[in-house]
Amino acid sequence: VARIKAAGGFVDLIQWRAHRSNPVGMADDGYVLEWRNFDAGKKMF
C-alpha cells in the first residue's frame, strides 16, 4: 500500500461541510487508498 501511495495511486478526498467546516473556513483534507484516510493536520470530521 505504501508503494502504491508513493507512486500516486490514490485519490484526494476533500470534504467541505456547510454546517461543520464552512463557519470556521476549513475543509477536511484526506485521501482514499486502502481506507478513507486523513492527511496530517487538523480535521473537522
PDB file of all heavy atoms in Angstrom:
ATOM      1  N   VAL A   1       0.843  -1.201   0.000  1.00  0.00           N
ATOM      2  CA  VAL A   1       0.000   0.000   0.000  1.00  0.00           C
ATOM      3  C   VAL A   1       0.881   1.255   0.000  1.00  0.00           C
ATOM      4  O   VAL A   1       0.602   2.214  -0.720  1.00  0.00           O
ATOM      5  CB  VAL A   1      -0.976  -0.012   1.199  1.00  0.00           C
ATOM      6  CG1 VAL A   1      -1.661   1.334   1.376  1.00  0.00           C
ATOM      7  CG2 VAL A   1      -2.017  -1.119   1.024  1.00  0.00           C
ATOM      8  N   ALA A   2       1.962   1.245   0.782  1.00  0.00           N
ATOM      9  CA  ALA A   2       2.878   2.389   0.813  1.00  0.00           C
ATOM     10  C   ALA A   2       3.510   2.623  -0.555  1.00  0.00           C
ATOM     11  O   ALA A   2       3.687   3.776  -0.972  1.00  0.00           O
ATOM     12  CB  ALA A   2       3.960   2.168   1.870  1.00  0.00           C
ATOM     13  N   ARG A   3       3.839   1.555  -1.283  1.00  0.00           N
ATOM     14  CA  ARG A   3       4.403   1.701  -2.636  1.00  0.00           C
ATOM     15  C   ARG A   3       3.381   2.323  -3.587  1.00  0.00           C
ATOM     16  O   ARG A   3       3.711   3.186  -4.404  1.00  0.00           O
ATOM     17  CB  ARG A   3       4.897   0.361  -3.167  1.00  0.00           C
ATOM     18  CG  ARG A   3       6.244  -0.060  -2.598  1.00  0.00           C
ATOM     19  CD  ARG A   3       6.868  -1.223  -3.352  1.00  0.00           C
ATOM     20  NE  ARG A   3       6.183  -2.480  -3.155  1.00  0.00           N
ATOM     21  CZ  ARG A   3       6.363  -3.297  -2.115  1.00  0.00           C
ATOM     22  NH1 ARG A   3       7.224  -2.977  -1.170  1.00  0.00           N
ATOM     23  NH2 ARG A   3       5.699  -4.424  -2.013  1.00  0.00           N
ATOM     24  N   ILE A   4       2.127   1.870  -3.477  1.00  0.00           N
ATOM     25  CA  ILE A   4       1.070   2.429  -4.321  1.00  0.00           C
ATOM     26  C   ILE A   4       0.907   3.919  -4.028  1.00  0.00           C
ATOM     27  O   ILE A   4       0.819   4.745  -4.937  1.00  0.00           O
ATOM     28  CB  ILE A   4      -0.268   1.678  -4.100  1.00  0.00           C
ATOM     29  CG1 ILE A   4      -0.154   0.228  -4.578  1.00  0.00           C
ATOM     30  CG2 ILE A   4      -1.417   2.396  -4.812  1.00  0.00           C
ATOM     31  CD1 ILE A   4      -1.316  -0.659  -4.147  1.00  0.00           C
ATOM     32  N   LYS A   5       0.897   4.273  -2.732  1.00  0.00           N
ATOM     33  CA  LYS A   5       0.746   5.683  -2.351  1.00  0.00           C
ATOM     34  C   LYS A   5       1.914   6.512  -2.869  1.00  0.00           C
ATOM     35  O   LYS A   5       1.712   7.602  -3.418  1.00  0.00           O
ATOM     36  CB  LYS A   5       0.620   5.821  -0.838  1.00  0.00           C
ATOM     37  CG  LYS A   5       0.338   7.253  -0.430  1.00  0.00           C
ATOM     38  CD  LYS A   5       0.157   7.411   1.053  1.00  0.00           C
ATOM     39  CE  LYS A   5      -0.122   8.877   1.359  1.00  0.00           C
ATOM     40  NZ  LYS A   5       0.021   9.182   2.763  1.00  0.00           N
ATOM     41  N   ALA A   6       3.129   6.006  -2.716  1.00  0.00           N
ATOM     42  CA  ALA A   6       4.316   6.744  -3.173  1.00  0.00           C
ATOM     43  C   ALA A   6       4.288   6.979  -4.679  1.00  0.00           C
ATOM     44  O   ALA A   6       4.793   7.989  -5.165  1.00  0.00           O
ATOM     45  CB  ALA A   6       5.585   5.987  -2.771  1.00  0.00           C
ATOM     46  N   ALA A   7       3.662   6.063  -5.415  1.00  0.00           N
ATOM     47  CA  ALA A   7       3.547   6.200  -6.868  1.00  0.00           C
ATOM     48  C   ALA A   7       2.366   7.078  -7.278  1.00  0.00           C
ATOM     49  O   ALA A   7       2.113   7.278  -8.467  1.00  0.00           O
ATOM     50  CB  ALA A   7       3.428   4.816  -7.507  1.00  0.00           C
ATOM     51  N   GLY A   8       1.623   7.598  -6.301  1.00  0.00           N
ATOM     52  CA  GLY A   8       0.492   8.474  -6.605  1.00  0.00           C
ATOM     53  C   GLY A   8      -0.801   7.745  -6.872  1.00  0.00           C
ATOM     54  O   GLY A   8      -1.750   8.337  -7.387  1.00  0.00           O
ATOM     55  N   GLY A   9      -0.899   6.475  -6.500  1.00  0.00           N
ATOM     56  CA  GLY A   9      -2.093   5.674  -6.774  1.00  0.00           C
ATOM     57  C   GLY A   9      -3.182   5.823  -5.733  1.00  0.00           C
ATOM     58  O   GLY A   9      -3.643   4.832  -5.166  1.00  0.00           O
ATOM     59  N   PHE A  10      -3.588   7.032  -5.456  1.00  0.00           N
ATOM     60  CA  PHE A  10      -4.665   7.309  -4.512  1.00  0.00           C
ATOM     61  C   PHE A  10      -5.483   8.469  -5.046  1.00  0.00           C
ATOM     62  O   PHE A  10      -5.056   9.158  -5.973  1.00  0.00           O
ATOM     63  CB  PHE A  10      -4.107   7.650  -3.121  1.00  0.00           C
ATOM     64  CG  PHE A  10      -3.215   8.861  -3.111  1.00  0.00           C
ATOM     65  CD1 PHE A  10      -3.738  10.127  -2.878  1.00  0.00           C
ATOM     66  CD2 PHE A  10      -1.853   8.747  -3.356  1.00  0.00           C
ATOM     67  CE1 PHE A  10      -2.919  11.242  -2.890  1.00  0.00           C
ATOM     68  CE2 PHE A  10      -1.023   9.856  -3.361  1.00  0.00           C
ATOM     69  CZ  PHE A  10      -1.557  11.111  -3.129  1.00  0.00           C
ATOM     70  N   VAL A  11      -6.665   8.673  -4.492  1.00  0.00           N
ATOM     71  CA  VAL A  11      -7.465   9.842  -4.865  1.00  0.00           C
ATOM     72  C   VAL A  11      -7.547  10.779  -3.666  1.00  0.00           C
ATOM     73  O   VAL A  11      -7.674  10.338  -2.528  1.00  0.00           O
ATOM     74  CB  VAL A  11      -8.883   9.474  -5.363  1.00  0.00           C
ATOM     75  CG1 VAL A  11      -8.816   8.761  -6.701  1.00  0.00           C
ATOM     76  CG2 VAL A  11      -9.655   8.652  -4.367  1.00  0.00           C
ATOM     77  N   ASP A  12      -7.417  12.069  -3.950  1.00  0.00           N
ATOM     78  CA  ASP A  12      -7.595  13.074  -2.899  1.00  0.00           C
ATOM     79  C   ASP A  12      -9.074  13.155  -2.556  1.00  0.00           C
ATOM     80  O   ASP A  12      -9.935  13.110  -3.441  1.00  0.00           O
ATOM     81  CB  ASP A  12      -7.111  14.446  -3.371  1.00  0.00           C
ATOM     82  CG  ASP A  12      -5.612  14.599  -3.239  1.00  0.00           C
ATOM     83  OD1 ASP A  12      -5.097  14.311  -2.141  1.00  0.00           O
ATOM     84  OD2 ASP A  12      -4.970  15.001  -4.214  1.00  0.00           O
ATOM     85  N   LEU A  13      -9.350  13.298  -1.282  1.00  0.00           N
ATOM     86  CA  LEU A  13     -10.722  13.413  -0.801  1.00  0.00           C
ATOM     87  C   LEU A  13     -10.826  14.692   0.027  1.00  0.00           C
ATOM     88  O   LEU A  13     -10.301  14.772   1.134  1.00  0.00           O
ATOM     89  CB  LEU A  13     -11.099  12.198   0.055  1.00  0.00           C
ATOM     90  CG  LEU A  13     -12.450  12.237   0.750  1.00  0.00           C
ATOM     91  CD1 LEU A  13     -13.588  12.304  -0.264  1.00  0.00           C
ATOM     92  CD2 LEU A  13     -12.616  11.008   1.639  1.00  0.00           C
ATOM     93  N   ILE A  14     -11.466  15.694  -0.560  1.00  0.00           N
ATOM     94  CA  ILE A  14     -11.661  16.964   0.116  1.00  0.00           C
ATOM     95  C   ILE A  14     -13.125  17.005   0.555  1.00  0.00           C
ATOM     96  O   ILE A  14     -14.024  16.825  -0.262  1.00  0.00           O
ATOM     97  CB  ILE A  14     -11.367  18.156  -0.820  1.00  0.00           C
ATOM     98  CG1 ILE A  14      -9.996  18.006  -1.477  1.00  0.00           C
ATOM     99  CG2 ILE A  14     -11.499  19.471  -0.069  1.00  0.00           C
ATOM    100  CD1 ILE A  14      -8.829  17.871  -0.541  1.00  0.00           C
ATOM    101  N   GLN A  15     -13.358  17.211   1.848  1.00  0.00           N
ATOM    102  CA  GLN A  15     -14.724  17.250   2.364  1.00  0.00           C
ATOM    103  C   GLN A  15     -15.000  18.624   2.973  1.00  0.00           C
ATOM    104  O   GLN A  15     -14.379  19.012   3.951  1.00  0.00           O
ATOM    105  CB  GLN A  15     -14.924  16.175   3.429  1.00  0.00           C
ATOM    106  CG  GLN A  15     -14.789  14.779   2.882  1.00  0.00           C
ATOM    107  CD  GLN A  15     -15.009  13.747   3.954  1.00  0.00           C
ATOM    108  OE1 GLN A  15     -15.975  13.790   4.693  1.00  0.00           O
ATOM    109  NE2 GLN A  15     -14.100  12.803   4.052  1.00  0.00           N
ATOM    110  N   TRP A  16     -15.921  19.350   2.345  1.00  0.00           N
ATOM    111  CA  TRP A  16     -16.373  20.627   2.860  1.00  0.00           C
ATOM    112  C   TRP A  16     -17.803  20.443   3.315  1.00  0.00           C
ATOM    113  O   TRP A  16     -18.622  19.895   2.592  1.00  0.00           O
ATOM    114  CB  TRP A  16     -16.305  21.685   1.758  1.00  0.00           C
ATOM    115  CG  TRP A  16     -16.887  22.997   2.163  1.00  0.00           C
ATOM    116  CD1 TRP A  16     -16.248  24.000   2.811  1.00  0.00           C
ATOM    117  CD2 TRP A  16     -18.225  23.447   1.940  1.00  0.00           C
ATOM    118  NE1 TRP A  16     -17.097  25.051   3.015  1.00  0.00           N
ATOM    119  CE2 TRP A  16     -18.333  24.733   2.493  1.00  0.00           C
ATOM    120  CE3 TRP A  16     -19.351  22.883   1.362  1.00  0.00           C
ATOM    121  CZ2 TRP A  16     -19.511  25.465   2.457  1.00  0.00           C
ATOM    122  CZ3 TRP A  16     -20.523  23.611   1.330  1.00  0.00           C
ATOM    123  CH2 TRP A  16     -20.587  24.889   1.866  1.00  0.00           C
ATOM    124  N   ARG A  17     -18.099  20.871   4.496  1.00  0.00           N
ATOM    125  CA  ARG A  17     -19.440  20.701   5.038  1.00  0.00           C
ATOM    126  C   ARG A  17     -19.970  22.061   5.498  1.00  0.00           C
ATOM    127  O   ARG A  17     -19.345  22.723   6.326  1.00  0.00           O
ATOM    128  CB  ARG A  17     -19.416  19.712   6.200  1.00  0.00           C
ATOM    129  CG  ARG A  17     -19.003  18.334   5.715  1.00  0.00           C
ATOM    130  CD  ARG A  17     -18.660  17.425   6.861  1.00  0.00           C
ATOM    131  NE  ARG A  17     -18.076  16.211   6.358  1.00  0.00           N
ATOM    132  CZ  ARG A  17     -18.719  15.054   6.270  1.00  0.00           C
ATOM    133  NH1 ARG A  17     -19.970  14.948   6.651  1.00  0.00           N
ATOM    134  NH2 ARG A  17     -18.104  13.987   5.804  1.00  0.00           N
ATOM    135  N   ALA A  18     -21.106  22.441   4.948  1.00  0.00           N
ATOM    136  CA  ALA A  18     -21.666  23.756   5.240  1.00  0.00           C
ATOM    137  C   ALA A  18     -21.889  23.958   6.734  1.00  0.00           C
ATOM    138  O   ALA A  18     -21.614  25.028   7.272  1.00  0.00           O
ATOM    139  CB  ALA A  18     -22.972  23.955   4.484  1.00  0.00           C
ATOM    140  N   HIS A  19     -22.361  22.951   7.416  1.00  0.00           N
ATOM    141  CA  HIS A  19     -22.696  23.093   8.832  1.00  0.00           C
ATOM    142  C   HIS A  19     -21.504  22.931   9.760  1.00  0.00           C
ATOM    143  O   HIS A  19     -21.529  23.394  10.890  1.00  0.00           O
ATOM    144  CB  HIS A  19     -23.759  22.066   9.212  1.00  0.00           C
ATOM    145  CG  HIS A  19     -23.263  20.655   9.190  1.00  0.00           C
ATOM    146  ND1 HIS A  19     -22.932  20.009   8.011  1.00  0.00           N
ATOM    147  CD2 HIS A  19     -23.001  19.788  10.189  1.00  0.00           C
ATOM    148  CE1 HIS A  19     -22.514  18.783   8.300  1.00  0.00           C
ATOM    149  NE2 HIS A  19     -22.547  18.622   9.613  1.00  0.00           N
ATOM    150  N   ARG A  20     -20.464  22.269   9.305  1.00  0.00           N
ATOM    151  CA  ARG A  20     -19.358  21.932  10.200  1.00  0.00           C
ATOM    152  C   ARG A  20     -18.094  22.725   9.890  1.00  0.00           C
ATOM    153  O   ARG A  20     -17.458  23.255  10.788  1.00  0.00           O
ATOM    154  CB  ARG A  20     -19.070  20.436  10.079  1.00  0.00           C
ATOM    155  CG  ARG A  20     -18.066  19.955  11.084  1.00  0.00           C
ATOM    156  CD  ARG A  20     -17.791  18.484  10.930  1.00  0.00           C
ATOM    157  NE  ARG A  20     -18.959  17.703  11.308  1.00  0.00           N
ATOM    158  CZ  ARG A  20     -18.993  16.381  11.290  1.00  0.00           C
ATOM    159  NH1 ARG A  20     -17.941  15.702  10.911  1.00  0.00           N
ATOM    160  NH2 ARG A  20     -20.075  15.733  11.635  1.00  0.00           N
ATOM    161  N   SER A  21     -17.720  22.784   8.645  1.00  0.00           N
ATOM    162  CA  SER A  21     -16.432  23.388   8.321  1.00  0.00           C
ATOM    163  C   SER A  21     -16.531  24.805   7.752  1.00  0.00           C
ATOM    164  O   SER A  21     -15.631  25.611   7.959  1.00  0.00           O
ATOM    165  CB  SER A  21     -15.650  22.492   7.363  1.00  0.00           C
ATOM    166  OG  SER A  21     -16.393  22.218   6.200  1.00  0.00           O
ATOM    167  N   ASN A  22     -17.607  25.127   7.067  1.00  0.00           N
ATOM    168  CA  ASN A  22     -17.713  26.457   6.478  1.00  0.00           C
ATOM    169  C   ASN A  22     -17.661  27.583   7.511  1.00  0.00           C
ATOM    170  O   ASN A  22     -16.961  28.571   7.286  1.00  0.00           O
ATOM    171  CB  ASN A  22     -18.978  26.586   5.630  1.00  0.00           C
ATOM    172  CG  ASN A  22     -19.014  27.894   4.876  1.00  0.00           C
ATOM    173  OD1 ASN A  22     -18.110  28.187   4.102  1.00  0.00           O
ATOM    174  ND2 ASN A  22     -20.034  28.689   5.133  1.00  0.00           N
ATOM    175  N   PRO A  23     -18.352  27.485   8.646  1.00  0.00           N
ATOM    176  CA  PRO A  23     -18.313  28.600   9.598  1.00  0.00           C
ATOM    177  C   PRO A  23     -16.913  28.958  10.091  1.00  0.00           C
ATOM    178  O   PRO A  23     -16.669  30.092  10.489  1.00  0.00           O
ATOM    179  CB  PRO A  23     -19.185  28.121  10.760  1.00  0.00           C
ATOM    180  CG  PRO A  23     -20.103  27.130  10.150  1.00  0.00           C
ATOM    181  CD  PRO A  23     -19.283  26.448   9.089  1.00  0.00           C
ATOM    182  N   VAL A  24     -16.007  28.019  10.074  1.00  0.00           N
ATOM    183  CA  VAL A  24     -14.643  28.295  10.531  1.00  0.00           C
ATOM    184  C   VAL A  24     -13.645  28.293   9.385  1.00  0.00           C
ATOM    185  O   VAL A  24     -12.434  28.288   9.593  1.00  0.00           O
ATOM    186  CB  VAL A  24     -14.206  27.309  11.646  1.00  0.00           C
ATOM    187  CG1 VAL A  24     -15.015  27.555  12.903  1.00  0.00           C
ATOM    188  CG2 VAL A  24     -14.307  25.871  11.196  1.00  0.00           C
ATOM    189  N   GLY A  25     -14.134  28.292   8.139  1.00  0.00           N
ATOM    190  CA  GLY A  25     -13.276  28.417   6.968  1.00  0.00           C
ATOM    191  C   GLY A  25     -12.342  27.238   6.756  1.00  0.00           C
ATOM    192  O   GLY A  25     -11.198  27.423   6.352  1.00  0.00           O
ATOM    193  N   MET A  26     -12.818  26.036   6.996  1.00  0.00           N
ATOM    194  CA  MET A  26     -11.966  24.853   6.852  1.00  0.00           C
ATOM    195  C   MET A  26     -12.634  23.823   5.958  1.00  0.00           C
ATOM    196  O   MET A  26     -13.822  23.900   5.683  1.00  0.00           O
ATOM    197  CB  MET A  26     -11.687  24.208   8.212  1.00  0.00           C
ATOM    198  CG  MET A  26     -10.809  25.038   9.127  1.00  0.00           C
ATOM    199  SD  MET A  26     -10.462  24.202  10.687  1.00  0.00           S
ATOM    200  CE  MET A  26      -9.304  22.929  10.166  1.00  0.00           C
ATOM    201  N   ALA A  27     -11.850  22.852   5.555  1.00  0.00           N
ATOM    202  CA  ALA A  27     -12.335  21.665   4.865  1.00  0.00           C
ATOM    203  C   ALA A  27     -11.423  20.519   5.276  1.00  0.00           C
ATOM    204  O   ALA A  27     -10.261  20.731   5.615  1.00  0.00           O
ATOM    205  CB  ALA A  27     -12.291  21.846   3.355  1.00  0.00           C
ATOM    206  N   ASP A  28     -11.956  19.305   5.284  1.00  0.00           N
ATOM    207  CA  ASP A  28     -11.134  18.140   5.598  1.00  0.00           C
ATOM    208  C   ASP A  28     -10.291  17.781   4.395  1.00  0.00           C
ATOM    209  O   ASP A  28     -10.754  17.826   3.260  1.00  0.00           O
ATOM    210  CB  ASP A  28     -12.009  16.936   5.970  1.00  0.00           C
ATOM    211  CG  ASP A  28     -12.657  17.103   7.334  1.00  0.00           C
ATOM    212  OD1 ASP A  28     -12.014  17.670   8.227  1.00  0.00           O
ATOM    213  OD2 ASP A  28     -13.802  16.657   7.494  1.00  0.00           O
ATOM    214  N   ASP A  29      -9.051  17.421   4.639  1.00  0.00           N
ATOM    215  CA  ASP A  29      -8.115  17.048   3.589  1.00  0.00           C
ATOM    216  C   ASP A  29      -7.720  15.595   3.807  1.00  0.00           C
ATOM    217  O   ASP A  29      -7.073  15.275   4.795  1.00  0.00           O
ATOM    218  CB  ASP A  29      -6.879  17.954   3.651  1.00  0.00           C
ATOM    219  CG  ASP A  29      -5.886  17.677   2.544  1.00  0.00           C
ATOM    220  OD1 ASP A  29      -6.255  16.996   1.559  1.00  0.00           O
ATOM    221  OD2 ASP A  29      -4.748  18.129   2.667  1.00  0.00           O
ATOM    222  N   GLY A  30      -8.120  14.743   2.906  1.00  0.00           N
ATOM    223  CA  GLY A  30      -7.809  13.332   3.054  1.00  0.00           C
ATOM    224  C   GLY A  30      -7.535  12.670   1.727  1.00  0.00           C
ATOM    225  O   GLY A  30      -7.360  13.336   0.702  1.00  0.00           O
ATOM    226  N   TYR A  31      -7.506  11.346   1.761  1.00  0.00           N
ATOM    227  CA  TYR A  31      -7.306  10.568   0.547  1.00  0.00           C
ATOM    228  C   TYR A  31      -7.892   9.182   0.739  1.00  0.00           C
ATOM    229  O   TYR A  31      -8.127   8.734   1.866  1.00  0.00           O
ATOM    230  CB  TYR A  31      -5.823  10.485   0.174  1.00  0.00           C
ATOM    231  CG  TYR A  31      -4.977   9.710   1.159  1.00  0.00           C
ATOM    232  CD1 TYR A  31      -4.688   8.358   0.946  1.00  0.00           C
ATOM    233  CD2 TYR A  31      -4.461  10.307   2.297  1.00  0.00           C
ATOM    234  CE1 TYR A  31      -3.921   7.644   1.849  1.00  0.00           C
ATOM    235  CE2 TYR A  31      -3.693   9.604   3.199  1.00  0.00           C
ATOM    236  CZ  TYR A  31      -3.423   8.267   2.968  1.00  0.00           C
ATOM    237  OH  TYR A  31      -2.665   7.555   3.869  1.00  0.00           O
ATOM    238  N   VAL A  32      -8.146   8.499  -0.376  1.00  0.00           N
ATOM    239  CA  VAL A  32      -8.638   7.123  -0.341  1.00  0.00           C
ATOM    240  C   VAL A  32      -7.613   6.238  -1.016  1.00  0.00           C
ATOM    241  O   VAL A  32      -7.167   6.521  -2.129  1.00  0.00           O
ATOM    242  CB  VAL A  32     -10.007   6.987  -1.038  1.00  0.00           C
ATOM    243  CG1 VAL A  32     -10.456   5.537  -1.068  1.00  0.00           C
ATOM    244  CG2 VAL A  32     -11.057   7.861  -0.355  1.00  0.00           C
ATOM    245  N   LEU A  33      -7.230   5.185  -0.324  1.00  0.00           N
ATOM    246  CA  LEU A  33      -6.369   4.138  -0.878  1.00  0.00           C
ATOM    247  C   LEU A  33      -6.831   2.811  -0.287  1.00  0.00           C
ATOM    248  O   LEU A  33      -7.757   2.209  -0.793  1.00  0.00           O
ATOM    249  CB  LEU A  33      -4.888   4.402  -0.611  1.00  0.00           C
ATOM    250  CG  LEU A  33      -3.892   3.371  -1.153  1.00  0.00           C
ATOM    251  CD1 LEU A  33      -4.093   3.093  -2.635  1.00  0.00           C
ATOM    252  CD2 LEU A  33      -2.475   3.807  -0.881  1.00  0.00           C
ATOM    253  N   GLU A  34      -6.258   2.386   0.836  1.00  0.00           N
ATOM    254  CA  GLU A  34      -6.696   1.146   1.480  1.00  0.00           C
ATOM    255  C   GLU A  34      -7.881   1.384   2.407  1.00  0.00           C
ATOM    256  O   GLU A  34      -8.529   0.457   2.871  1.00  0.00           O
ATOM    257  CB  GLU A  34      -5.534   0.495   2.243  1.00  0.00           C
ATOM    258  CG  GLU A  34      -5.236   1.069   3.613  1.00  0.00           C
ATOM    259  CD  GLU A  34      -4.589   2.450   3.635  1.00  0.00           C
ATOM    260  OE1 GLU A  34      -4.384   3.086   2.579  1.00  0.00           O
ATOM    261  OE2 GLU A  34      -4.279   2.908   4.748  1.00  0.00           O
ATOM    262  N   TRP A  35      -8.153   2.657   2.662  1.00  0.00           N
ATOM    263  CA  TRP A  35      -9.204   3.090   3.585  1.00  0.00           C
ATOM    264  C   TRP A  35      -9.431   4.562   3.331  1.00  0.00           C
ATOM    265  O   TRP A  35      -8.663   5.200   2.611  1.00  0.00           O
ATOM    266  CB  TRP A  35      -8.697   2.864   5.023  1.00  0.00           C
ATOM    267  CG  TRP A  35      -9.711   2.695   6.099  1.00  0.00           C
ATOM    268  CD1 TRP A  35     -10.527   1.610   6.289  1.00  0.00           C
ATOM    269  CD2 TRP A  35     -10.016   3.604   7.158  1.00  0.00           C
ATOM    270  NE1 TRP A  35     -11.305   1.791   7.406  1.00  0.00           N
ATOM    271  CE2 TRP A  35     -11.006   3.025   7.958  1.00  0.00           C
ATOM    272  CE3 TRP A  35      -9.543   4.865   7.505  1.00  0.00           C
ATOM    273  CZ2 TRP A  35     -11.540   3.630   9.078  1.00  0.00           C
ATOM    274  CZ3 TRP A  35     -10.070   5.477   8.627  1.00  0.00           C
ATOM    275  CH2 TRP A  35     -11.052   4.862   9.404  1.00  0.00           C
ATOM    276  N   ARG A  36     -10.439   5.154   3.904  1.00  0.00           N
ATOM    277  CA  ARG A  36     -10.645   6.601   3.799  1.00  0.00           C
ATOM    278  C   ARG A  36      -9.806   7.248   4.896  1.00  0.00           C
ATOM    279  O   ARG A  36     -10.146   7.195   6.074  1.00  0.00           O
ATOM    280  CB  ARG A  36     -12.118   6.939   3.983  1.00  0.00           C
ATOM    281  CG  ARG A  36     -12.415   8.388   3.676  1.00  0.00           C
ATOM    282  CD  ARG A  36     -13.814   8.762   4.043  1.00  0.00           C
ATOM    283  NE  ARG A  36     -13.868   8.918   5.499  1.00  0.00           N
ATOM    284  CZ  ARG A  36     -14.973   8.823   6.217  1.00  0.00           C
ATOM    285  NH1 ARG A  36     -16.117   8.532   5.648  1.00  0.00           N
ATOM    286  NH2 ARG A  36     -14.948   8.994   7.521  1.00  0.00           N
ATOM    287  N   ASN A  37      -8.693   7.842   4.503  1.00  0.00           N
ATOM    288  CA  ASN A  37      -7.706   8.378   5.428  1.00  0.00           C
ATOM    289  C   ASN A  37      -7.715   9.900   5.449  1.00  0.00           C
ATOM    290  O   ASN A  37      -8.147  10.535   4.490  1.00  0.00           O
ATOM    291  CB  ASN A  37      -6.298   7.937   4.987  1.00  0.00           C
ATOM    292  CG  ASN A  37      -6.158   6.438   4.970  1.00  0.00           C
ATOM    293  OD1 ASN A  37      -6.066   5.809   6.003  1.00  0.00           O
ATOM    294  ND2 ASN A  37      -6.135   5.853   3.779  1.00  0.00           N
ATOM    295  N   PHE A  38      -7.159  10.461   6.510  1.00  0.00           N
ATOM    296  CA  PHE A  38      -6.966  11.906   6.592  1.00  0.00           C
ATOM    297  C   PHE A  38      -5.490  12.209   6.462  1.00  0.00           C
ATOM    298  O   PHE A  38      -4.642  11.477   6.962  1.00  0.00           O
ATOM    299  CB  PHE A  38      -7.471  12.461   7.923  1.00  0.00           C
ATOM    300  CG  PHE A  38      -8.969  12.490   8.014  1.00  0.00           C
ATOM    301  CD1 PHE A  38      -9.657  11.502   8.681  1.00  0.00           C
ATOM    302  CD2 PHE A  38      -9.690  13.505   7.406  1.00  0.00           C
ATOM    303  CE1 PHE A  38     -11.038  11.519   8.755  1.00  0.00           C
ATOM    304  CE2 PHE A  38     -11.074  13.535   7.472  1.00  0.00           C
ATOM    305  CZ  PHE A  38     -11.751  12.539   8.152  1.00  0.00           C
ATOM    306  N   ASP A  39      -5.180  13.333   5.802  1.00  0.00           N
ATOM    307  CA  ASP A  39      -3.810  13.816   5.774  1.00  0.00           C
ATOM    308  C   ASP A  39      -3.477  14.374   7.152  1.00  0.00           C
ATOM    309  O   ASP A  39      -4.361  14.597   7.973  1.00  0.00           O
ATOM    310  CB  ASP A  39      -3.640  14.898   4.703  1.00  0.00           C
ATOM    311  CG  ASP A  39      -3.710  14.318   3.292  1.00  0.00           C
ATOM    312  OD1 ASP A  39      -3.319  13.155   3.104  1.00  0.00           O
ATOM    313  OD2 ASP A  39      -4.153  15.030   2.379  1.00  0.00           O
ATOM    314  N   ALA A  40      -2.205  14.637   7.382  1.00  0.00           N
ATOM    315  CA  ALA A  40      -1.776  15.196   8.666  1.00  0.00           C
ATOM    316  C   ALA A  40      -2.386  16.577   8.875  1.00  0.00           C
ATOM    317  O   ALA A  40      -2.710  17.276   7.926  1.00  0.00           O
ATOM    318  CB  ALA A  40      -0.251  15.289   8.707  1.00  0.00           C
ATOM    319  N   GLY A  41      -2.545  16.964  10.116  1.00  0.00           N
ATOM    320  CA  GLY A  41      -3.071  18.276  10.439  1.00  0.00           C
ATOM    321  C   GLY A  41      -4.432  18.193  11.083  1.00  0.00           C
ATOM    322  O   GLY A  41      -4.961  17.107  11.329  1.00  0.00           O
ATOM    323  N   LYS A  42      -5.015  19.351  11.350  1.00  0.00           N
ATOM    324  CA  LYS A  42      -6.328  19.400  11.968  1.00  0.00           C
ATOM    325  C   LYS A  42      -7.376  18.912  11.003  1.00  0.00           C
ATOM    326  O   LYS A  42      -7.300  19.149   9.805  1.00  0.00           O
ATOM    327  CB  LYS A  42      -6.668  20.832  12.376  1.00  0.00           C
ATOM    328  CG  LYS A  42      -6.089  21.274  13.670  1.00  0.00           C
ATOM    329  CD  LYS A  42      -6.620  22.658  14.014  1.00  0.00           C
ATOM    330  CE  LYS A  42      -6.927  22.726  15.482  1.00  0.00           C
ATOM    331  NZ  LYS A  42      -7.454  24.025  15.873  1.00  0.00           N
ATOM    332  N   LYS A  43      -8.399  18.269  11.526  1.00  0.00           N
ATOM    333  CA  LYS A  43      -9.500  17.830  10.688  1.00  0.00           C
ATOM    334  C   LYS A  43     -10.819  18.198  11.351  1.00  0.00           C
ATOM    335  O   LYS A  43     -10.932  18.224  12.567  1.00  0.00           O
ATOM    336  CB  LYS A  43      -9.419  16.338  10.413  1.00  0.00           C
ATOM    337  CG  LYS A  43      -9.493  15.473  11.650  1.00  0.00           C
ATOM    338  CD  LYS A  43      -9.319  14.020  11.291  1.00  0.00           C
ATOM    339  CE  LYS A  43      -9.434  13.203  12.555  1.00  0.00           C
ATOM    340  NZ  LYS A  43      -8.672  12.035  12.580  1.00  0.00           N
ATOM    341  N   MET A  44     -11.783  18.519  10.518  1.00  0.00           N
ATOM    342  CA  MET A  44     -13.103  18.884  11.026  1.00  0.00           C
ATOM    343  C   MET A  44     -13.955  17.649  11.282  1.00  0.00           C
ATOM    344  O   MET A  44     -14.839  17.670  12.109  1.00  0.00           O
ATOM    345  CB  MET A  44     -13.820  19.782  10.009  1.00  0.00           C
ATOM    346  CG  MET A  44     -13.164  21.114   9.798  1.00  0.00           C
ATOM    347  SD  MET A  44     -13.129  22.135  11.263  1.00  0.00           S
ATOM    348  CE  MET A  44     -14.860  22.331  11.620  1.00  0.00           C
ATOM    349  N   PHE A  45     -13.703  16.601  10.542  1.00  0.00           N
ATOM    350  CA  PHE A  45     -14.538  15.408  10.601  1.00  0.00           C
ATOM    351  C   PHE A  45     -14.080  14.550  11.781  1.00  0.00           C
ATOM    352  O   PHE A  45     -13.356  13.586  11.641  1.00  0.00           O
ATOM    353  CB  PHE A  45     -14.411  14.638   9.282  1.00  0.00           C
ATOM    354  CG  PHE A  45     -15.436  13.559   9.109  1.00  0.00           C
ATOM    355  CD1 PHE A  45     -16.763  13.878   8.964  1.00  0.00           C
ATOM    356  CD2 PHE A  45     -15.064  12.234   9.090  1.00  0.00           C
ATOM    357  CE1 PHE A  45     -17.717  12.884   8.801  1.00  0.00           C
ATOM    358  CE2 PHE A  45     -16.006  11.236   8.922  1.00  0.00           C
ATOM    359  CZ  PHE A  45     -17.330  11.563   8.771  1.00  0.00           C
TER     360      PHE A  45
END
